[in-house]
Protein backbone atom coordinates (compact mmCIF):
# COMPACT_ATOMS: atom_id res chain seq x y z
CA MET A 1 184.69 70.52 110.20
CA SER A 2 187.72 71.92 112.04
CA ASN A 3 188.88 73.87 108.96
CA LEU A 4 185.47 75.36 108.17
CA ALA A 5 186.06 78.56 110.13
CA GLY A 6 188.93 79.66 107.94
CA LYS A 7 187.15 78.57 104.78
CA VAL A 8 183.98 80.47 105.66
CA ARG A 9 185.90 83.65 106.40
CA ASP A 10 187.82 83.28 103.15
CA VAL A 11 184.58 83.08 101.22
CA LEU A 12 183.16 86.09 103.02
CA ARG A 13 185.97 88.47 102.21
CA GLY A 14 184.21 90.93 100.00
CA GLY A 15 180.73 89.85 101.24
CA ARG A 16 178.60 91.35 103.96
CA LEU A 17 175.30 89.75 104.97
CA VAL A 18 175.79 86.18 106.14
CA ASP A 19 177.34 85.77 109.60
CA ALA A 20 180.31 83.47 109.05
CA ASP A 21 180.73 82.44 112.68
CA ARG A 22 177.05 81.65 113.09
CA LEU A 23 176.99 79.57 109.91
CA LEU A 24 180.10 77.75 111.07
CA ASN A 25 178.51 77.04 114.45
CA ARG A 26 175.38 75.69 112.79
CA LEU A 27 177.36 73.41 110.48
CA GLU A 28 179.42 72.13 113.40
CA ALA A 29 176.21 71.57 115.37
CA VAL A 30 174.82 69.46 112.52
CA GLU A 31 178.04 67.45 112.54
CA ARG A 32 177.74 67.01 116.33
CA PHE A 33 174.18 65.77 115.83
CA ARG A 34 175.38 63.30 113.22
CA ARG A 35 178.06 61.94 115.54
CA ALA A 36 175.60 61.70 118.44
CA VAL A 37 173.11 59.60 116.49
CA ASP A 38 175.62 57.59 114.49
CA GLY A 39 174.72 53.92 114.67
CA LEU A 40 171.45 54.59 116.51
CA LEU A 41 169.04 56.03 113.96
CA PRO A 42 168.25 54.63 110.49
CA GLU A 43 170.74 55.78 107.87
CA ASP A 44 167.95 56.65 105.45
CA ARG A 45 166.85 59.38 107.89
CA LEU A 46 170.36 60.88 108.00
CA GLY A 47 171.26 60.95 104.32
CA ALA A 48 170.69 64.70 104.02
CA THR A 49 172.82 65.30 107.12
CA HIS A 50 175.79 63.41 105.69
CA THR A 51 175.36 65.16 102.34
CA LEU A 52 175.23 68.61 103.94
CA VAL A 53 178.40 68.14 105.96
CA GLU A 54 180.34 66.74 103.02
CA ARG A 55 179.01 69.39 100.62
CA ALA A 56 179.78 72.23 103.01
CA GLU A 57 183.37 71.11 103.48
CA ALA A 58 183.85 70.68 99.75
CA ARG A 59 182.22 73.96 98.68
CA LEU A 60 183.97 76.10 101.27
CA ALA A 61 187.31 74.59 100.34
CA LEU A 62 186.88 75.72 96.74
CA SER A 63 187.11 79.12 95.06
CA ARG A 64 186.01 82.06 97.17
CA ASP A 65 185.83 84.30 94.13
CA HIS A 66 183.26 82.41 92.08
CA THR A 67 179.48 82.18 92.27
CA VAL A 68 177.85 79.17 90.58
CA VAL A 69 174.50 80.05 89.02
CA ALA A 70 172.32 77.46 87.28
CA LEU A 71 169.67 78.08 84.65
CA ALA A 72 167.04 75.38 85.17
CA GLY A 73 163.86 74.85 83.24
CA ALA A 74 161.65 72.61 81.19
CA THR A 75 161.91 71.76 77.54
CA GLY A 76 161.17 74.76 75.32
CA SER A 77 161.46 77.35 78.11
CA GLY A 78 164.31 79.05 76.27
CA LYS A 79 166.95 78.68 78.97
CA SER A 80 169.69 77.82 76.48
CA SER A 81 168.79 80.97 74.51
CA LEU A 82 168.92 82.89 77.78
CA PHE A 83 172.28 81.31 78.57
CA ASN A 84 173.64 82.44 75.20
CA ALA A 85 172.13 85.92 75.56
CA LEU A 86 173.78 86.43 78.97
CA ALA A 87 177.08 85.21 77.54
CA ARG A 88 176.52 87.25 74.38
CA TRP A 89 177.83 84.28 72.50
CA GLU A 90 176.36 81.09 70.99
CA MET A 91 177.64 78.46 73.43
CA SER A 92 174.74 76.16 74.29
CA PRO A 93 172.86 74.58 71.33
CA VAL A 94 169.39 75.88 70.60
CA GLY A 95 166.96 74.00 68.39
CA VAL A 96 163.50 72.66 67.85
CA ARG A 97 164.36 69.04 68.66
CA ARG A 98 163.43 68.09 72.24
CA PRO A 99 165.16 67.74 74.53
CA THR A 100 167.63 70.28 73.22
CA THR A 101 169.99 70.45 76.21
CA GLY A 102 171.31 66.99 77.09
CA VAL A 103 174.49 67.94 78.97
CA THR A 104 175.48 70.78 81.26
CA HIS A 105 177.38 73.68 79.72
CA ALA A 106 179.36 76.19 81.76
CA CYS A 107 180.44 79.72 81.00
CA VAL A 108 183.06 81.31 83.24
CA TRP A 109 183.58 85.03 83.50
CA GLY A 110 187.28 85.31 84.26
CA PRO A 111 190.24 82.91 83.88
CA LEU A 112 189.03 79.34 83.41
CA ALA A 113 191.95 77.86 85.37
CA GLU A 114 190.84 79.58 88.56
CA ALA A 115 187.42 77.91 88.35
CA ALA A 116 188.69 74.52 87.19
CA LYS A 117 188.50 72.78 90.59
CA LEU A 118 185.04 74.19 91.18
CA LEU A 119 183.84 72.89 87.82
CA ASP A 120 185.45 69.52 88.50
CA TRP A 121 183.47 69.34 91.75
CA VAL A 122 180.26 70.39 90.01
CA GLY A 123 180.93 67.79 87.34
CA VAL A 124 181.05 69.81 84.10
CA LEU A 125 183.21 68.11 81.50
CA PRO A 126 186.17 70.16 80.22
CA ARG A 127 184.85 70.14 76.63
CA HIS A 128 181.67 71.85 77.83
CA ARG A 129 183.43 74.70 79.62
CA PHE A 130 183.67 78.13 78.02
CA VAL A 131 185.37 81.39 78.95
CA ARG A 132 183.42 84.58 78.38
CA GLU A 133 185.92 87.38 78.98
CA SER A 134 188.48 88.39 76.42
CA ALA A 135 190.71 91.36 75.73
CA LEU A 136 188.19 92.64 73.20
CA ASP A 137 185.53 93.05 75.88
CA GLY A 138 187.48 95.61 77.85
CA ASP A 139 185.52 96.28 81.05
CA ASP A 140 182.13 95.33 79.58
CA GLU A 141 182.02 91.99 81.43
CA LEU A 142 183.93 93.06 84.54
CA ALA A 143 180.77 93.26 86.68
CA LEU A 144 180.21 89.55 86.14
CA HIS A 145 183.81 88.55 86.87
CA GLY A 146 183.62 85.43 89.05
CA LEU A 147 180.30 84.18 87.64
CA VAL A 148 180.08 80.52 86.66
CA LEU A 149 176.85 80.16 84.68
CA LEU A 150 175.47 76.68 84.05
CA ASP A 151 172.91 75.67 81.44
CA LEU A 152 171.32 72.52 82.89
CA PRO A 153 169.60 69.74 80.94
CA ASP A 154 165.82 69.88 80.65
CA PHE A 155 164.37 68.46 83.88
CA ASP A 156 161.28 67.14 82.06
CA SER A 157 163.33 65.27 79.49
CA VAL A 158 162.15 61.83 78.43
CA GLN A 159 165.64 60.64 79.26
CA ARG A 160 165.90 59.80 82.97
CA SER A 161 169.63 60.57 83.05
CA HIS A 162 168.89 64.23 82.26
CA ARG A 163 166.61 64.59 85.25
CA SER A 164 169.14 62.83 87.51
CA GLU A 165 171.81 65.27 86.35
CA VAL A 166 169.52 68.21 87.10
CA ASP A 167 168.70 66.88 90.56
CA ARG A 168 172.39 66.42 91.33
CA LEU A 169 173.43 69.89 90.20
CA LEU A 170 170.54 71.64 91.95
CA GLY A 171 172.06 70.38 95.19
CA LEU A 172 175.45 71.92 94.42
CA VAL A 173 174.97 75.33 92.82
CA ASP A 174 174.93 78.60 94.76
CA LEU A 175 171.98 80.26 92.98
CA VAL A 176 169.16 78.80 90.85
CA VAL A 177 167.41 80.77 88.12
CA TRP A 178 164.19 78.95 87.18
CA VAL A 179 163.25 79.67 83.60
CA VAL A 180 159.56 79.33 82.68
CA ASP A 181 157.65 80.42 79.60
CA PRO A 182 154.19 81.97 79.15
CA GLN A 183 152.70 78.66 77.99
CA LYS A 184 153.91 76.44 80.86
CA TYR A 185 154.65 78.76 83.77
CA ALA A 186 151.94 77.01 85.83
CA ASP A 187 153.09 73.50 84.91
CA ARG A 188 152.51 71.09 87.79
CA VAL A 189 155.84 69.28 87.36
CA VAL A 190 158.01 72.34 87.83
CA HIS A 191 156.03 73.53 90.83
CA ALA A 192 155.29 70.27 92.63
CA SER A 193 158.59 68.51 91.93
CA TYR A 194 161.01 71.41 92.11
CA LEU A 195 159.94 74.90 93.08
CA ARG A 196 158.07 73.87 96.22
CA GLU A 197 161.17 72.01 97.37
CA PHE A 198 163.02 75.36 97.33
CA ARG A 199 160.69 77.10 99.79
CA ARG A 200 163.55 77.27 102.30
CA HIS A 201 165.96 78.45 99.61
CA GLN A 202 164.18 81.66 98.61
CA ASP A 203 167.35 83.70 99.20
CA ILE A 204 169.12 81.85 96.40
CA THR A 205 166.17 81.42 94.03
CA VAL A 206 165.10 83.59 91.11
CA VAL A 207 162.16 82.87 88.77
CA VAL A 208 162.28 84.21 85.22
CA LEU A 209 159.29 84.45 82.88
CA ASN A 210 161.20 84.05 79.65
CA GLN A 211 159.93 84.67 76.11
CA SER A 212 157.82 87.53 77.42
CA ASP A 213 158.05 89.02 73.93
CA ARG A 214 155.45 86.46 72.86
CA LEU A 215 152.88 88.23 75.04
CA PRO A 216 151.21 91.53 74.29
CA PRO A 217 152.97 94.19 76.39
CA ALA A 218 149.80 94.79 78.40
CA GLU A 219 149.58 91.09 79.30
CA VAL A 220 153.10 90.78 80.74
CA PRO A 221 152.28 92.35 84.17
CA ARG A 222 149.16 90.19 84.47
CA VAL A 223 151.04 86.97 83.70
CA VAL A 224 153.88 87.95 86.04
CA GLY A 225 151.29 88.64 88.75
CA ASP A 226 149.64 85.28 88.21
CA LEU A 227 153.05 83.62 88.41
CA ARG A 228 153.71 85.40 91.72
CA ARG A 229 150.36 84.15 93.02
CA ILE A 230 151.25 80.55 92.14
CA LEU A 231 154.66 80.97 93.76
CA ALA A 232 152.98 82.32 96.89
CA ASP A 233 150.89 79.13 96.98
CA ASP A 234 154.21 77.27 96.80
CA GLN A 235 155.41 79.27 99.86
CA LEU A 236 157.82 81.18 97.61
CA ASP A 237 156.35 84.64 98.07
CA GLN A 238 159.80 86.21 98.65
CA VAL A 239 161.32 84.96 95.41
CA PRO A 240 162.04 87.65 92.78
CA VAL A 241 160.10 87.22 89.54
CA LEU A 242 161.58 88.79 86.41
CA ALA A 243 160.29 89.00 82.84
CA THR A 244 162.94 88.39 80.18
CA SER A 245 163.27 88.29 76.43
CA THR A 246 166.30 87.15 74.49
CA LEU A 247 165.52 89.26 71.43
CA ASN A 248 167.88 91.97 72.68
CA GLN A 249 170.04 92.86 75.67
CA ALA A 250 167.36 95.15 77.08
CA GLY A 251 165.17 92.09 77.60
CA ILE A 252 167.68 90.55 80.02
CA ALA A 253 168.97 93.73 81.63
CA GLU A 254 167.13 93.19 84.93
CA LEU A 255 168.35 89.59 85.21
CA ARG A 256 171.88 90.65 84.36
CA THR A 257 171.74 93.32 87.09
CA THR A 258 170.58 90.68 89.58
CA LEU A 259 173.48 88.43 88.65
CA GLU A 260 175.97 91.30 88.88
CA ARG A 261 174.75 92.12 92.39
CA THR A 262 174.93 88.47 93.43
CA VAL A 263 178.46 88.11 92.09
CA SER A 264 179.68 91.33 93.70
CA GLU A 265 178.28 90.44 97.14
CA ARG A 266 179.86 86.96 97.07
CA GLN A 267 177.47 85.55 99.60
CA ALA A 268 175.39 83.18 97.49
CA ALA A 269 177.48 80.15 98.46
CA LEU A 270 176.98 80.84 102.16
CA ALA A 271 173.33 81.71 101.68
CA ARG A 272 172.90 78.38 99.93
CA LEU A 273 174.61 76.49 102.75
CA SER A 274 172.58 78.36 105.35
CA ALA A 275 169.37 77.40 103.55
CA ASP A 276 170.58 73.81 103.32
CA VAL A 277 171.09 73.83 107.08
CA ASP A 278 167.51 75.10 107.47
CA VAL A 279 166.19 72.19 105.42
CA VAL A 280 168.26 69.59 107.26
CA VAL A 281 167.37 70.99 110.67
CA ALA A 282 163.67 70.91 109.77
CA GLU A 283 164.01 67.23 108.86
CA LEU A 284 166.03 66.43 111.98
CA ALA A 285 163.49 68.17 114.20
CA GLU A 286 161.19 65.20 113.57
CA LEU A 287 163.83 62.96 115.17
CA THR A 288 163.87 64.76 118.51
CA GLY A 289 161.24 65.45 121.10
CA PRO A 290 161.00 66.37 124.78
CA PRO A 291 164.12 66.29 126.96
CA ALA A 292 165.22 62.98 128.44
CA SER A 293 167.64 62.20 131.24
CA GLU A 294 169.98 59.28 131.74
CA ASN A 295 168.24 58.79 135.09
CA ASP A 296 164.83 58.21 133.54
CA VAL A 297 165.19 54.52 134.45
CA ASP A 298 163.89 54.44 138.03
CA ARG A 299 165.03 52.15 140.84
CA ARG A 300 161.80 50.20 140.89
CA THR A 301 162.21 49.09 137.29
CA VAL A 302 165.88 48.26 137.85
CA ARG A 303 164.91 46.27 140.95
CA ARG A 304 162.40 44.31 138.87
CA LEU A 305 165.17 43.55 136.38
CA THR A 306 167.46 42.43 139.21
CA GLU A 307 164.80 40.10 140.58
CA ALA A 308 164.24 38.56 137.14
CA LEU A 309 167.97 38.13 136.57
CA ALA A 310 168.38 36.61 140.04
CA GLY A 311 165.77 33.98 139.25
CA SER A 312 167.40 33.24 135.89
CA ALA A 313 170.87 33.03 137.47
CA GLY A 314 169.77 30.50 140.10
CA VAL A 315 170.16 32.82 143.07
CA PRO A 316 167.39 31.05 145.07
CA ALA A 317 169.18 27.72 144.60
CA VAL A 318 172.52 29.21 145.63
CA THR A 319 170.91 30.88 148.65
CA GLU A 320 169.43 27.59 149.77
CA ALA A 321 172.74 25.83 149.12
CA THR A 322 174.51 28.48 151.22
CA ARG A 323 172.12 27.86 154.12
CA SER A 324 172.66 24.11 153.83
CA ALA A 325 176.42 24.53 153.47
CA TYR A 326 176.56 26.73 156.56
CA ALA A 327 174.57 24.17 158.53
CA HIS A 328 176.71 21.35 157.13
CA ARG A 329 179.98 23.07 158.03
CA ALA A 330 178.73 24.30 161.40
CA SER A 331 177.53 20.82 162.35
CA ALA A 332 180.86 19.39 161.27
CA ALA A 333 182.69 21.95 163.40
CA THR A 334 180.48 21.80 166.51
CA GLY A 335 178.96 18.30 166.37
CA TRP A 336 179.88 15.24 168.37
CA PRO A 337 183.40 14.20 167.27
CA VAL A 338 182.36 10.56 167.21
CA VAL A 339 180.11 11.13 164.15
CA ARG A 340 182.15 13.83 162.42
CA GLY A 341 183.77 11.33 160.11
CA TRP A 342 180.36 10.18 158.98
CA ARG A 343 179.40 13.80 158.18
CA LYS A 344 182.46 14.20 155.99
CA LEU A 345 181.10 11.49 153.74
CA ARG A 346 178.24 13.83 152.79
CA PRO A 347 179.21 16.28 149.99
CA ASP A 348 179.18 19.98 150.71
CA PRO A 349 176.03 21.54 149.12
CA LEU A 350 178.06 24.30 147.46
CA ARG A 351 180.51 21.80 146.01
CA ARG A 352 177.64 20.09 144.21
CA LEU A 353 177.00 23.39 142.37
CA HIS A 354 180.73 23.88 141.66
CA LEU A 355 180.69 26.87 143.95
CA PRO A 356 183.47 27.54 146.52
CA GLY A 357 183.47 24.78 149.10
CA PRO A 358 185.59 24.52 152.22
CA ASP A 359 189.00 26.11 151.67
CA GLU A 360 187.87 27.11 148.12
CA ASP A 361 186.30 30.49 148.80
CA GLY A 362 188.17 32.39 146.14
CA ALA A 363 191.18 33.21 148.31
CA GLY A 364 194.44 31.38 148.67
CA ARG A 365 194.70 28.59 151.20
CA ASP A 366 197.28 30.61 153.08
CA GLY A 367 194.71 33.36 153.66
CA SER A 368 196.14 35.68 151.02
CA ALA A 369 193.81 37.97 149.08
CA GLU A 370 194.91 36.58 145.73
CA ARG A 371 191.83 35.35 143.88
CA SER A 372 191.71 32.03 142.12
CA PRO A 373 190.17 31.80 138.63
CA VAL A 374 186.37 31.77 138.58
CA GLY A 375 185.03 28.49 137.25
CA VAL A 376 181.74 27.56 135.63
CA THR A 377 178.95 26.60 137.99
CA SER A 378 176.62 23.62 137.71
CA LEU A 379 173.49 25.63 138.31
CA PRO A 380 170.48 24.46 136.29
CA ASP A 381 169.56 26.34 133.13
CA PRO A 382 166.78 28.91 133.55
CA THR A 383 163.28 27.76 132.80
CA ALA A 384 161.14 29.20 130.02
CA ALA A 385 159.21 31.20 132.61
CA GLN A 386 162.41 32.67 134.03
CA ARG A 387 163.67 33.62 130.56
CA ALA A 388 160.32 35.25 129.83
CA ALA A 389 160.54 37.20 133.08
CA VAL A 390 163.97 38.52 132.05
CA GLY A 391 162.61 39.51 128.64
CA LEU A 392 159.69 41.36 130.21
CA ALA A 393 161.97 43.16 132.67
CA VAL A 394 164.31 44.23 129.86
CA ARG A 395 161.34 45.44 127.85
CA ALA A 396 160.08 47.40 130.88
CA ILE A 397 163.47 49.16 131.08
CA ALA A 398 163.28 50.08 127.40
CA ASP A 399 159.62 51.13 127.56
CA GLN A 400 160.17 53.40 130.52
CA ALA A 401 163.31 55.00 129.09
CA GLY A 402 161.86 55.53 125.62
CA ALA A 403 158.26 56.36 126.52
CA ALA A 404 158.55 60.08 125.73
CA LEU A 405 161.01 59.78 122.83
CA PRO A 406 160.21 59.89 119.10
CA ALA A 407 159.74 56.53 117.39
CA PRO A 408 163.29 56.17 115.98
CA TRP A 409 164.77 56.75 119.43
CA THR A 410 162.29 54.38 121.06
CA ALA A 411 163.50 51.70 118.68
CA ALA A 412 167.13 52.63 119.44
CA VAL A 413 166.50 52.33 123.18
CA ALA A 414 164.81 48.94 122.74
CA THR A 415 167.71 47.73 120.58
CA ALA A 416 170.24 48.96 123.15
CA ALA A 417 168.40 47.20 125.99
CA ARG A 418 168.55 43.91 124.07
CA SER A 419 172.00 44.45 122.56
CA ARG A 420 173.87 42.30 125.10
CA LEU A 421 171.24 39.74 126.07
CA ALA A 422 173.41 36.99 124.57
CA ASP A 423 176.13 37.88 127.09
CA LEU A 424 173.82 37.63 130.09
CA PRO A 425 174.00 33.87 130.83
CA ASP A 426 177.80 33.73 131.03
CA ALA A 427 178.02 37.05 132.85
CA LEU A 428 175.45 35.97 135.43
CA ASP A 429 177.20 32.64 135.94
CA ARG A 430 180.53 34.41 136.49
CA ALA A 431 178.90 36.87 138.86
CA VAL A 432 177.39 34.07 140.96
CA ALA A 433 180.59 32.03 140.91
CA GLY A 434 182.67 35.05 141.88
CA THR A 435 180.46 36.27 144.71
CA ASP A 436 181.85 35.95 148.24
CA LEU A 437 179.10 34.03 150.03
CA GLY A 438 180.51 34.86 153.46
CA LEU A 439 181.57 31.33 154.35
CA ASP A 440 185.31 31.83 154.03
CA HIS A 441 185.90 32.35 157.80
CA ARG A 442 184.87 30.08 160.65
CA PRO A 443 183.03 31.96 163.41
CA LEU A 444 184.67 32.00 166.85
CA TRP A 445 181.72 30.28 168.46
CA TRP A 446 182.28 27.27 166.20
CA ARG A 447 185.73 26.91 167.70
CA VAL A 448 184.50 27.39 171.24
CA VAL A 449 181.76 24.78 170.87
CA GLY A 450 184.13 22.48 169.01
CA GLY A 451 186.65 22.85 171.86
CA VAL A 452 183.97 21.93 174.40
CA GLN A 453 183.08 18.88 172.35
CA TRP A 454 186.69 17.78 172.23
CA LEU A 455 187.07 18.29 175.99
CA ALA A 456 183.93 16.22 176.54
CA ILE A 457 185.15 13.40 174.30
CA LEU A 458 188.58 13.50 175.90
CA ALA A 459 186.96 13.24 179.33
CA ALA A 460 184.87 10.30 178.11
CA LEU A 461 187.93 8.62 176.63
CA GLY A 462 189.89 9.27 179.82
CA GLY A 463 187.16 7.71 181.94
CA LEU A 464 186.89 4.79 179.55
CA GLY A 465 190.63 4.22 179.67
CA TRP A 466 190.69 4.44 183.41
CA LEU A 467 187.91 1.86 183.71
CA ALA A 468 189.59 -0.38 181.14
CA LEU A 469 192.83 -0.28 183.10
CA GLY A 470 191.01 -1.39 186.29
CA TYR A 471 189.34 -4.28 184.50
CA ALA A 472 192.68 -5.33 183.02
CA LEU A 473 194.38 -5.36 186.41
CA ARG A 474 191.64 -7.51 187.90
CA ALA A 475 191.79 -9.85 184.98
CA LEU A 476 195.48 -10.33 185.52
CA GLY A 477 194.96 -10.97 189.24
CA LEU A 478 196.75 -7.81 190.21
CA PRO A 479 195.62 -5.53 193.02
CA PRO A 480 192.58 -3.50 191.79
CA LEU A 481 192.67 0.24 191.40
CA ASP A 482 191.02 2.28 194.04
CA TYR A 483 188.74 4.61 192.03
CA PRO A 484 187.84 7.90 193.64
CA ALA A 485 184.10 8.37 193.85
CA VAL A 486 181.61 11.16 193.93
CA GLY A 487 178.89 9.87 196.13
CA ALA A 488 178.35 6.26 195.08
CA ALA A 489 179.58 6.76 191.50
CA PRO A 490 183.22 6.18 190.59
CA VAL A 491 184.95 9.10 188.93
CA PRO A 492 185.94 7.13 185.76
CA THR A 493 182.33 6.18 185.24
CA LEU A 494 181.26 9.77 185.74
CA MET A 495 183.94 10.91 183.28
CA LEU A 496 182.78 8.40 180.64
CA LEU A 497 179.07 8.99 181.00
CA GLY A 498 179.42 12.71 181.63
CA GLY A 499 181.64 13.24 178.60
CA LEU A 500 179.29 11.32 176.32
CA LEU A 501 176.23 13.04 177.72
CA LEU A 502 177.82 16.51 177.56
CA GLY A 503 178.72 16.00 173.89
CA LEU A 504 175.21 14.90 173.01
CA VAL A 505 173.59 17.72 175.00
CA VAL A 506 175.86 20.36 173.42
CA ALA A 507 175.12 18.96 169.95
CA VAL A 508 171.38 19.10 170.59
CA LEU A 509 171.46 22.57 172.14
CA VAL A 510 173.55 24.06 169.32
CA LYS A 511 171.26 22.87 166.51
CA PRO A 512 168.72 25.75 166.86
CA VAL A 513 171.62 28.17 166.91
CA ILE A 514 173.01 26.60 163.75
CA ARG A 515 169.62 26.87 161.99
CA TRP A 516 169.29 30.52 163.00
CA ALA A 517 172.84 31.33 161.90
CA ALA A 518 172.33 29.41 158.63
CA ARG A 519 169.28 31.54 157.80
CA ARG A 520 171.32 34.68 158.47
CA ALA A 521 174.17 33.39 156.32
CA GLY A 522 171.71 32.59 153.55
CA GLY A 523 170.20 36.06 153.80
CA ARG A 524 173.63 37.72 153.59
CA ALA A 525 174.57 35.53 150.64
CA GLU A 526 171.28 36.36 148.89
CA GLU A 527 171.90 40.06 149.36
CA ARG A 528 175.41 39.78 147.95
CA LEU A 529 174.20 37.67 145.04
CA HIS A 530 171.48 40.20 144.24
CA GLY A 531 174.13 42.92 144.28
CA ALA A 532 176.35 40.99 141.88
CA VAL A 533 173.44 40.11 139.59
CA GLY A 534 172.18 43.70 139.73
CA GLU A 535 175.59 44.95 138.66
CA VAL A 536 175.45 42.65 135.64
CA GLY A 537 172.00 44.02 134.78
CA ARG A 538 173.21 47.59 135.10
CA GLU A 539 176.24 46.88 132.92
CA LEU A 540 174.58 44.84 130.17
CA VAL A 541 171.06 46.31 130.07
CA VAL A 542 170.77 49.65 131.87
CA ALA A 543 174.15 51.11 130.79
CA PRO A 544 173.46 50.73 127.03
CA VAL A 545 170.04 52.33 127.52
CA ARG A 546 171.55 55.24 129.45
CA GLU A 547 174.16 55.65 126.73
CA VAL A 548 171.36 56.08 124.16
CA LEU A 549 169.62 58.61 126.41
CA HIS A 550 172.90 60.49 126.84
CA ARG A 551 173.40 60.63 123.08
CA TYR A 552 169.78 61.72 122.65
CA ALA A 553 170.46 64.65 124.99
CA GLN A 554 173.60 65.49 122.99
CA ALA A 555 171.60 65.37 119.75
CA ARG A 556 168.92 67.69 121.15
CA GLU A 557 171.56 70.16 122.30
CA ALA A 558 173.30 70.08 118.93
CA LEU A 559 170.02 70.54 117.07
CA ALA A 560 169.14 73.51 119.27
CA LEU A 561 172.42 75.16 118.23
CA ALA A 562 171.83 74.32 114.59
CA THR A 563 168.33 75.82 114.76
CA THR A 564 169.69 79.22 115.74
CA PRO A 565 168.29 81.74 113.22
CA ARG A 566 170.67 83.06 110.65
């Protein structure tokens, strides 16, 4: 679309009515709409949009000096005779066999070479192309210089290929002259299947009541009036209606004048494109509705999704394992040294889930910040109820975001919300495995209590050694040691019993503290896990939904620009 501006202005040189910049803006807006909805809405709803953009680029890249006019009509309407009369030459075959016109014929006023690319695009075979002007005409045909007149096949032909050809060409030409006759001017096929479809193309539509010579002169105005009434019922009240006869040039003078004016103004191509934009915009209007914001997904719904994902990811199990691991590690650090070896025989609760255990908290053993690779956890697979909860939460996200949108967008939002569900299990597992559970540093009070325990055990061992030495000396018959005493109790005995008792008392007193601290550690870990799981939900569920809402807003804005009146 970037080259359309120059092409539109080229076509308008010599024209006057259609605003080139506005038409360009509308075409670019349609292209912006197409890009915004690409991959989101059904392709069968966007066929006309693709066709318009491609057709506009192609038509505006072709000859600026030619106006393509098509004569369209039913069998026996006399359009081939009208074609020959306008050309003043027998070019298109006329006969009584039906259908008479099986292929499209073209007559070019002016050099044929200059219109060759345009005719190639329209699809008229070279052997069916004719040149009207010659040196013998002088200036007689100068007013129509630049006219490319097409005689289309009969649209009511029994051969389906004829109708397909008519349908194709009617989408390409700049101006359509519908040729009807006094016997079939009210025919349902021409009105229901064709004329009514051109209600937005009235600027480039002309209706001709041909063979008017078959009517009494007094009847012609009445029949023309009745034809206008039928056209008004078809919402074509602004379309010119002309009466023609091919018996002589006077019978087509008014039509010829209309064609001369159209050719001289050189705006039919742009008027056609502008009308095409009107039709496409009217169809696209059904695909948009009230405004929508990317923030239409509220926190409550996202929180519900996070809770469902947390259950599916095993966050409760990890939280409980964190509490147990904290208690396990704290007891090992502050418990009685005599039984610490026995505690080491018990596996760390986080290790059982393949989550970071002691000295495996995601950082290097030397305390560096370098992260080790995140492994796969051994958390149990989610239950059917947990998977259903995730599905309901995802659906709630889609329902809330698409509640006010038209049906195609509601489906697009629902598809976006589910688009990455297959990635959720692995992403959640990585998020849980990579979450810092807050157990990578030993609290200071662990060290203090552990130091007290070691002092107590050392005192007990010192007392025990001292007593053992005294017993050994007596056993060997050596002079006994003179133990200092506190009251009646020897100091070594006090050291032994006091050290053992102090260790047991400290271990008992610190247990409530450990339970309280373990609950806090579990709460912090749960909060961090919810944050990690919530981030996965926002990335894999909410972000695709918000992307659809963003593109919906872009589409609405583009359509508003494309709807700007001509």
